[in-house]
Amino acid sequence: MRPAAATSRMFSGWLTQASVIQLNVAGHGVMMTAMDAADLLRGPRGRRLCYEVLQTWAGRSTPSMPSRPDVDTRMAFEAVTEACNWAMYWQPPDRVDADLRSSEWLSQLQDIAEAIASSPVTNWWSSPLDLNDQHLVRFLDEDVPEPEHEPTLTGLRAAVDTLDLEHSREFPDDPAGVRLDWTTVSGVWWSAPIAHPGVFTARSIGQPPLPVGLAFVEDSFGWTAATSWQVSPTRDVRVLELGTSEHWVDVVRRYPLEVTVTTKRGDWWRTTGRDGRWAMPAWPLVAKDWDAVHLSVAGYLATAGRALPVDEATATVLAGWPPDATFWLADLLRVAAPPTAWRRQRNTNMWTRS
């Protein structure tokens, strides 16, 4: 289905000539609103971002420094990376995330949040999908040689069609037939459309360009080697934009899949403290209307890890979706450039071409 009231924008870079129709779930053209300080402080990942900026700024402090930080590109990049790295949706928040919910910390982080939201280097955090700058990243184990084959870009839609079954499996019994305690069991905790095969991509920043998917990784395993491929679409793309927490809730309301009787009940209770009915998007239904779903950095920081009301009895959690990532629900991508090998400097978040 392609809603009539669509806003279309043409991209005609050297990679491809394709159009992206960017809409919200109601079928209206998306106007990406600027991030504000309140957005950052509502979400656990946004609060962690502010905390990381505060820590970096405190380490640089001198008597002549201003009362709030001048957020630069390096500071912002490192803070997003660390906010992602401490994202865990199957257990209670770590001590720092838990403490940051207090009124004392929220007051202390207010100026930091305002500095981040008003900085020119974070303007792109609210921007929609850029079709001409998408990169797929594959991380490598140190003892595994660099892959020579290109990533799998077909079979994506068929894989998405299996996700309802994966996400709606009822809470299991143990082998002896005894009902397990839902508060102690973990399982498929994510709500992102992670499929096998599956593809998600993100843009690059800086000069020389660095794919943000190398660093914006939730609960990272500490990889030090990776390969990236620039990809581009082969036809027009219907893109669903998630720029705010309201966008995520709207998707769940329009394409609901109840997951209360699954292991998500325990996982999401542990991470949010809420128990009750839970829902998430039914991705096979979403895939009938959309080819790709993009989560902006601002949308991630305001939304990920929160128990967001869908109706009076039901809530949802955005989990397992990195910032600026676009999940592709249709077979329409191609590799557009030779692969690039990357190495991460140990004990840093910085990647360089190898």
Protein backbone atom coordinates (compact mmCIF):
# COMPACT_ATOMS: atom_id res chain seq x y z
CA MET A 1 0.00 0.00 0.00
CA ARG A 2 1.35 3.41 -0.93
CA PRO A 3 -0.59 6.21 0.78
CA ALA A 4 -1.71 8.99 -1.52
CA ALA A 5 -0.41 11.84 0.63
CA ALA A 6 3.23 10.94 0.18
CA THR A 7 6.23 13.24 0.22
CA SER A 8 8.81 12.12 -2.32
CA ARG A 9 12.42 13.24 -2.52
CA MET A 10 14.81 12.37 -5.33
CA PHE A 11 18.36 11.17 -4.75
CA SER A 12 20.54 11.21 -7.87
CA GLY A 13 24.08 10.65 -6.58
CA TRP A 14 26.71 8.63 -8.41
CA LEU A 15 25.63 5.36 -6.78
CA THR A 16 22.06 5.16 -7.99
CA GLN A 17 19.07 7.15 -9.08
CA ALA A 18 16.23 6.24 -6.78
CA SER A 19 13.49 7.96 -4.89
CA VAL A 20 12.69 7.54 -1.24
CA ILE A 21 9.16 8.04 0.00
CA GLN A 22 9.55 8.91 3.67
CA LEU A 23 6.39 8.72 5.72
CA ASN A 24 5.13 8.30 9.21
CA VAL A 25 2.75 5.48 9.96
CA ALA A 26 -0.31 7.65 9.34
CA GLY A 27 0.80 8.08 5.74
CA HIS A 28 1.88 11.70 5.97
CA GLY A 29 5.20 13.09 4.81
CA VAL A 30 7.66 13.08 7.68
CA MET A 31 8.87 16.41 9.01
CA MET A 32 11.89 15.44 11.10
CA THR A 33 11.69 17.65 14.18
CA ALA A 34 14.78 18.86 15.98
CA MET A 35 15.84 17.03 19.11
CA ASP A 36 15.44 18.88 22.39
CA ALA A 37 16.81 18.43 25.89
CA ALA A 38 13.57 16.93 27.21
CA ASP A 39 13.76 14.17 24.56
CA LEU A 40 17.23 13.21 25.74
CA LEU A 41 16.30 13.07 29.41
CA ARG A 42 13.18 10.94 28.88
CA GLY A 43 15.05 7.88 27.67
CA PRO A 44 17.64 5.76 29.48
CA ARG A 45 19.99 5.86 26.49
CA GLY A 46 19.61 9.63 26.21
CA ARG A 47 20.36 10.07 29.90
CA ARG A 48 23.42 7.82 29.58
CA LEU A 49 24.57 9.92 26.63
CA CYS A 50 24.36 13.07 28.76
CA TYR A 51 26.23 11.34 31.57
CA GLU A 52 29.04 10.31 29.21
CA VAL A 53 29.35 13.86 27.88
CA LEU A 54 29.48 15.13 31.46
CA GLN A 55 32.27 12.69 32.31
CA THR A 56 34.31 13.69 29.26
CA TRP A 57 33.78 17.38 29.91
CA ALA A 58 34.72 17.03 33.58
CA GLY A 59 37.97 15.38 32.51
CA ARG A 60 38.80 18.40 30.34
CA SER A 61 37.76 21.05 32.86
CA THR A 62 39.92 24.04 33.69
CA PRO A 63 39.03 27.14 35.75
CA SER A 64 38.40 29.15 32.59
CA MET A 65 35.94 26.71 31.01
CA PRO A 66 32.30 27.76 30.45
CA SER A 67 29.47 26.52 32.66
CA ARG A 68 28.34 23.92 30.14
CA PRO A 69 30.29 21.96 27.50
CA ASP A 70 30.95 22.97 23.93
CA VAL A 71 30.00 19.61 22.41
CA ASP A 72 32.34 18.69 19.56
CA THR A 73 32.17 15.84 17.07
CA ARG A 74 34.54 13.55 18.97
CA MET A 75 32.72 14.08 22.27
CA ALA A 76 29.32 13.39 20.70
CA PHE A 77 30.56 10.30 18.83
CA GLU A 78 32.16 8.79 21.93
CA ALA A 79 29.08 9.51 24.04
CA VAL A 80 26.68 7.78 21.62
CA THR A 81 29.05 4.82 21.41
CA GLU A 82 29.14 4.45 25.20
CA ALA A 83 25.38 4.95 25.55
CA CYS A 84 24.90 2.08 23.12
CA ASN A 85 27.48 -0.14 24.76
CA TRP A 86 25.61 -0.07 28.08
CA ALA A 87 22.22 -0.92 26.52
CA MET A 88 20.96 -4.28 27.86
CA TYR A 89 17.29 -5.20 27.59
CA TRP A 90 17.27 -8.57 29.37
CA GLN A 91 18.42 -7.51 32.83
CA PRO A 92 17.91 -4.66 35.29
CA PRO A 93 19.65 -1.36 34.47
CA ASP A 94 23.25 -1.11 35.60
CA ARG A 95 24.01 1.11 38.60
CA VAL A 96 24.69 4.23 36.52
CA ASP A 97 21.52 3.91 34.42
CA ALA A 98 19.49 3.32 37.59
CA ASP A 99 20.97 6.34 39.36
CA LEU A 100 20.37 8.63 36.38
CA ARG A 101 16.60 8.33 36.88
CA SER A 102 16.79 10.34 40.10
CA SER A 103 15.68 13.97 40.27
CA GLU A 104 19.16 14.97 41.47
CA TRP A 105 20.81 13.54 38.38
CA LEU A 106 18.13 14.86 36.03
CA SER A 107 18.72 18.34 37.39
CA GLN A 108 22.48 17.97 36.98
CA LEU A 109 22.13 16.72 33.40
CA GLN A 110 19.74 19.46 32.25
CA ASP A 111 22.45 21.87 31.05
CA ILE A 112 24.33 18.99 29.43
CA ALA A 113 21.22 17.91 27.53
CA GLU A 114 20.61 21.46 26.33
CA ALA A 115 24.22 21.76 25.15
CA ILE A 116 23.95 18.51 23.21
CA ALA A 117 20.59 19.34 21.63
CA SER A 118 21.75 22.82 20.54
CA SER A 119 25.14 21.75 19.16
CA PRO A 120 25.56 21.92 15.36
CA VAL A 121 27.43 18.60 15.42
CA THR A 122 24.26 16.76 16.50
CA ASN A 123 21.96 18.23 13.84
CA TRP A 124 22.19 15.07 11.76
CA TRP A 125 20.83 12.98 14.66
CA SER A 126 17.30 14.00 13.61
CA SER A 127 17.82 13.50 9.88
CA PRO A 128 15.99 10.84 7.83
CA LEU A 129 17.53 7.99 5.86
CA ASP A 130 20.19 9.01 3.33
CA LEU A 131 19.95 6.51 0.47
CA ASN A 132 23.25 7.61 -1.04
CA ASP A 133 25.25 6.83 2.09
CA GLN A 134 24.38 3.42 3.53
CA HIS A 135 26.91 0.91 4.83
CA LEU A 136 26.54 -2.67 5.99
CA VAL A 137 29.09 -3.76 8.62
CA ARG A 138 30.24 -7.28 9.41
CA PHE A 139 32.40 -7.77 12.51
CA LEU A 140 35.17 -10.37 12.48
CA ASP A 141 36.68 -12.57 15.14
CA GLU A 142 40.43 -12.16 15.38
CA ASP A 143 41.07 -15.82 14.57
CA VAL A 144 38.77 -15.84 11.51
CA PRO A 145 40.16 -14.64 8.17
CA GLU A 146 38.57 -11.65 6.49
CA PRO A 147 35.50 -12.70 4.45
CA GLU A 148 35.97 -12.56 0.71
CA HIS A 149 32.32 -13.05 -0.23
CA GLU A 150 29.75 -10.28 -0.42
CA PRO A 151 26.94 -10.12 2.15
CA THR A 152 23.63 -11.84 1.49
CA LEU A 153 21.15 -9.25 0.21
CA THR A 154 18.39 -11.58 -0.97
CA GLY A 155 15.82 -13.59 0.93
CA LEU A 156 15.18 -10.69 3.29
CA ARG A 157 11.42 -10.51 2.80
CA ALA A 158 10.99 -14.27 3.23
CA ALA A 159 12.96 -14.12 6.46
CA VAL A 160 10.86 -11.23 7.78
CA ASP A 161 7.71 -13.26 7.16
CA THR A 162 8.86 -15.76 9.82
CA LEU A 163 9.29 -13.19 12.59
CA ASP A 164 5.75 -13.31 13.99
CA LEU A 165 6.27 -16.97 14.84
CA GLU A 166 9.64 -16.28 16.45
CA HIS A 167 8.36 -13.40 18.58
CA SER A 168 5.02 -14.90 19.61
CA ARG A 169 6.18 -18.31 20.89
CA GLU A 170 4.53 -18.86 24.23
CA PHE A 171 6.52 -19.01 27.42
CA PRO A 172 8.17 -22.47 27.54
CA ASP A 173 7.79 -25.30 30.00
CA ASP A 174 10.92 -27.00 31.26
CA PRO A 175 11.69 -30.55 30.03
CA ALA A 176 9.96 -32.07 33.08
CA GLY A 177 6.72 -30.30 32.14
CA VAL A 178 6.88 -27.87 35.04
CA ARG A 179 5.87 -24.32 34.26
CA LEU A 180 8.94 -22.09 34.60
CA ASP A 181 8.98 -18.87 36.60
CA TRP A 182 8.65 -16.10 34.03
CA THR A 183 10.69 -13.73 36.22
CA THR A 184 13.81 -15.90 35.88
CA VAL A 185 13.83 -16.80 32.17
CA SER A 186 15.23 -14.82 29.24
CA GLY A 187 14.68 -15.37 25.54
CA VAL A 188 13.98 -13.33 22.42
CA TRP A 189 14.20 -9.93 24.12
CA TRP A 190 14.52 -7.73 21.04
CA SER A 191 11.71 -6.02 19.13
CA ALA A 192 13.74 -4.92 16.10
CA PRO A 193 13.11 -6.91 12.88
CA ILE A 194 16.26 -9.01 13.27
CA ALA A 195 15.95 -11.85 10.75
CA HIS A 196 18.19 -14.55 9.28
CA PRO A 197 19.19 -13.62 6.67
CA GLY A 198 18.74 -9.99 7.55
CA VAL A 199 20.35 -6.66 6.79
CA PHE A 200 20.58 -3.35 8.56
CA THR A 201 22.67 -0.41 7.45
CA ALA A 202 23.67 3.05 8.66
CA ARG A 203 25.34 6.16 7.27
CA SER A 204 28.93 7.38 7.55
CA ILE A 205 30.25 10.56 9.13
CA GLY A 206 33.44 12.60 8.97
CA GLN A 207 36.37 12.73 6.59
CA PRO A 208 37.50 10.20 5.66
CA PRO A 209 34.01 8.70 6.00
CA LEU A 210 33.50 6.32 8.93
CA PRO A 211 30.41 4.05 8.97
CA VAL A 212 28.70 4.70 12.30
CA GLY A 213 27.64 1.06 12.40
CA LEU A 214 31.21 0.25 13.45
CA ALA A 215 30.83 2.09 16.73
CA PHE A 216 27.10 2.43 17.47
CA VAL A 217 26.76 -1.14 18.74
CA GLU A 218 24.62 -2.16 21.69
CA ASP A 219 26.33 -4.32 24.32
CA SER A 220 29.41 -4.63 22.10
CA PHE A 221 31.54 -7.77 22.16
CA GLY A 222 34.65 -5.63 21.76
CA TRP A 223 35.45 -6.55 18.18
CA THR A 224 38.65 -5.10 16.78
CA ALA A 225 38.20 -6.04 13.09
CA ALA A 226 35.38 -5.48 10.63
CA THR A 227 34.49 -5.19 6.96
CA SER A 228 32.00 -2.72 5.51
CA TRP A 229 30.20 -2.53 2.18
CA GLN A 230 28.46 0.49 0.76
CA VAL A 231 25.05 -0.54 -0.56
CA SER A 232 22.35 1.18 -2.58
CA PRO A 233 18.76 0.37 -3.59
CA THR A 234 17.83 -0.93 -7.02
CA ARG A 235 14.41 0.74 -7.10
CA ASP A 236 12.21 3.23 -5.25
CA VAL A 237 12.07 2.68 -1.50
CA ARG A 238 9.10 3.08 0.85
CA VAL A 239 10.76 4.15 4.09
CA LEU A 240 9.05 4.27 7.45
CA GLU A 241 10.81 6.84 9.64
CA LEU A 242 11.05 6.47 13.42
CA GLY A 243 12.14 9.87 14.67
CA THR A 244 10.34 9.98 18.01
CA SER A 245 8.96 7.61 20.62
CA GLU A 246 5.47 8.51 19.35
CA HIS A 247 6.39 7.13 15.92
CA TRP A 248 7.32 3.77 17.48
CA VAL A 249 4.07 3.60 19.46
CA ASP A 250 2.09 4.45 16.32
CA VAL A 251 3.69 1.52 14.48
CA VAL A 252 2.76 -0.86 17.31
CA ARG A 253 -0.83 0.41 17.30
CA ARG A 254 -1.23 -0.01 13.56
CA TYR A 255 0.56 -3.37 13.26
CA PRO A 256 0.14 -4.95 16.73
CA LEU A 257 1.61 -8.27 17.82
CA GLU A 258 0.92 -9.20 21.44
CA VAL A 259 3.93 -10.79 23.14
CA THR A 260 2.79 -10.94 26.78
CA VAL A 261 2.94 -14.74 27.02
CA THR A 262 6.50 -14.89 25.68
CA THR A 263 9.85 -14.54 27.43
CA LYS A 264 9.69 -10.81 26.69
CA ARG A 265 7.47 -10.48 29.74
CA GLY A 266 10.39 -11.30 32.02
CA ASP A 267 13.04 -9.51 29.96
CA TRP A 268 11.11 -6.27 29.63
CA TRP A 269 9.96 -6.38 33.27
CA ARG A 270 13.58 -6.63 34.38
CA THR A 271 14.76 -3.76 32.21
CA THR A 272 11.80 -1.38 32.75
CA GLY A 273 10.29 -2.46 36.09
CA ARG A 274 6.83 -2.75 34.50
CA ASP A 275 4.69 -5.89 34.36
CA GLY A 276 1.53 -6.18 32.28
CA ARG A 277 0.50 -6.72 28.68
CA TRP A 278 3.19 -6.18 26.04
CA ALA A 279 3.07 -5.62 22.28
CA MET A 280 5.49 -4.93 19.42
CA PRO A 281 5.17 -4.48 15.65
CA ALA A 282 4.09 -7.47 13.57
CA TRP A 283 6.93 -7.15 11.08
CA PRO A 284 5.39 -9.29 8.30
CA LEU A 285 2.45 -6.85 8.26
CA VAL A 286 4.79 -3.85 8.27
CA ALA A 287 6.67 -5.37 5.32
CA LYS A 288 3.49 -5.32 3.21
CA ASP A 289 3.47 -1.52 3.33
CA TRP A 290 7.14 -0.60 3.77
CA ASP A 291 10.50 -1.64 2.31
CA ALA A 292 12.71 -0.27 5.06
CA VAL A 293 12.42 1.20 8.56
CA HIS A 294 14.89 3.85 9.75
CA LEU A 295 15.49 4.83 13.38
CA SER A 296 17.18 8.20 13.77
CA VAL A 297 19.79 8.77 16.47
CA ALA A 298 17.38 11.18 18.18
CA GLY A 299 14.61 8.59 18.00
CA TYR A 300 16.88 5.98 19.54
CA LEU A 301 18.01 8.18 22.41
CA ALA A 302 14.43 9.15 23.32
CA THR A 303 12.83 5.72 22.84
CA ALA A 304 15.09 2.69 23.37
CA GLY A 305 14.53 0.83 26.62
CA ARG A 306 11.39 2.70 27.76
CA ALA A 307 8.07 1.09 28.63
CA LEU A 308 5.82 3.17 26.36
CA PRO A 309 2.02 2.97 26.71
CA VAL A 310 0.15 1.63 23.68
CA ASP A 311 -3.25 1.66 25.40
CA GLU A 312 -4.48 1.59 29.00
CA ALA A 313 -3.33 -2.01 29.55
CA THR A 314 -0.51 -2.50 27.05
CA ALA A 315 3.01 -1.15 26.64
CA THR A 316 5.89 -1.66 24.23
CA VAL A 317 9.70 -1.50 24.28
CA LEU A 318 12.06 -0.61 21.45
CA ALA A 319 14.96 -3.03 21.97
CA GLY A 320 17.88 -4.26 19.90
CA TRP A 321 17.85 -1.43 17.33
CA PRO A 322 21.07 0.62 17.02
CA PRO A 323 20.90 4.39 16.37
CA ASP A 324 20.63 5.48 12.73
CA ALA A 325 20.11 1.85 11.69
CA THR A 326 17.80 1.04 8.79
CA PHE A 327 16.36 -2.48 8.74
CA TRP A 328 15.55 -3.64 5.22
CA LEU A 329 12.35 -5.65 4.78
CA ALA A 330 12.54 -6.17 1.00
CA ASP A 331 15.04 -7.56 -1.50
CA LEU A 332 16.16 -4.35 -3.18
CA LEU A 333 19.78 -3.71 -2.20
CA ARG A 334 22.98 -4.16 -4.14
CA VAL A 335 26.63 -3.77 -3.23
CA ALA A 336 27.73 -0.43 -4.67
CA ALA A 337 31.45 -0.30 -3.93
CA PRO A 338 34.35 -2.62 -3.00
CA PRO A 339 34.57 -3.67 0.66
CA THR A 340 36.61 -1.73 3.21
CA ALA A 341 38.58 -3.42 5.99
CA TRP A 342 38.68 -1.76 9.41
CA ARG A 343 40.64 -2.08 12.64
CA ARG A 344 39.75 -0.65 16.03
CA GLN A 345 42.49 0.76 18.19
CA ARG A 346 42.53 -1.23 21.42
CA ASN A 347 41.00 0.46 24.46
CA THR A 348 39.41 3.13 22.25
CA ASN A 349 36.25 3.51 20.18
CA MET A 350 38.17 4.72 17.12
CA TRP A 351 38.29 2.72 13.90
CA THR A 352 40.77 3.15 11.04
CA ARG A 353 41.07 1.60 7.61
CA SER A 354 43.41 -1.38 7.58
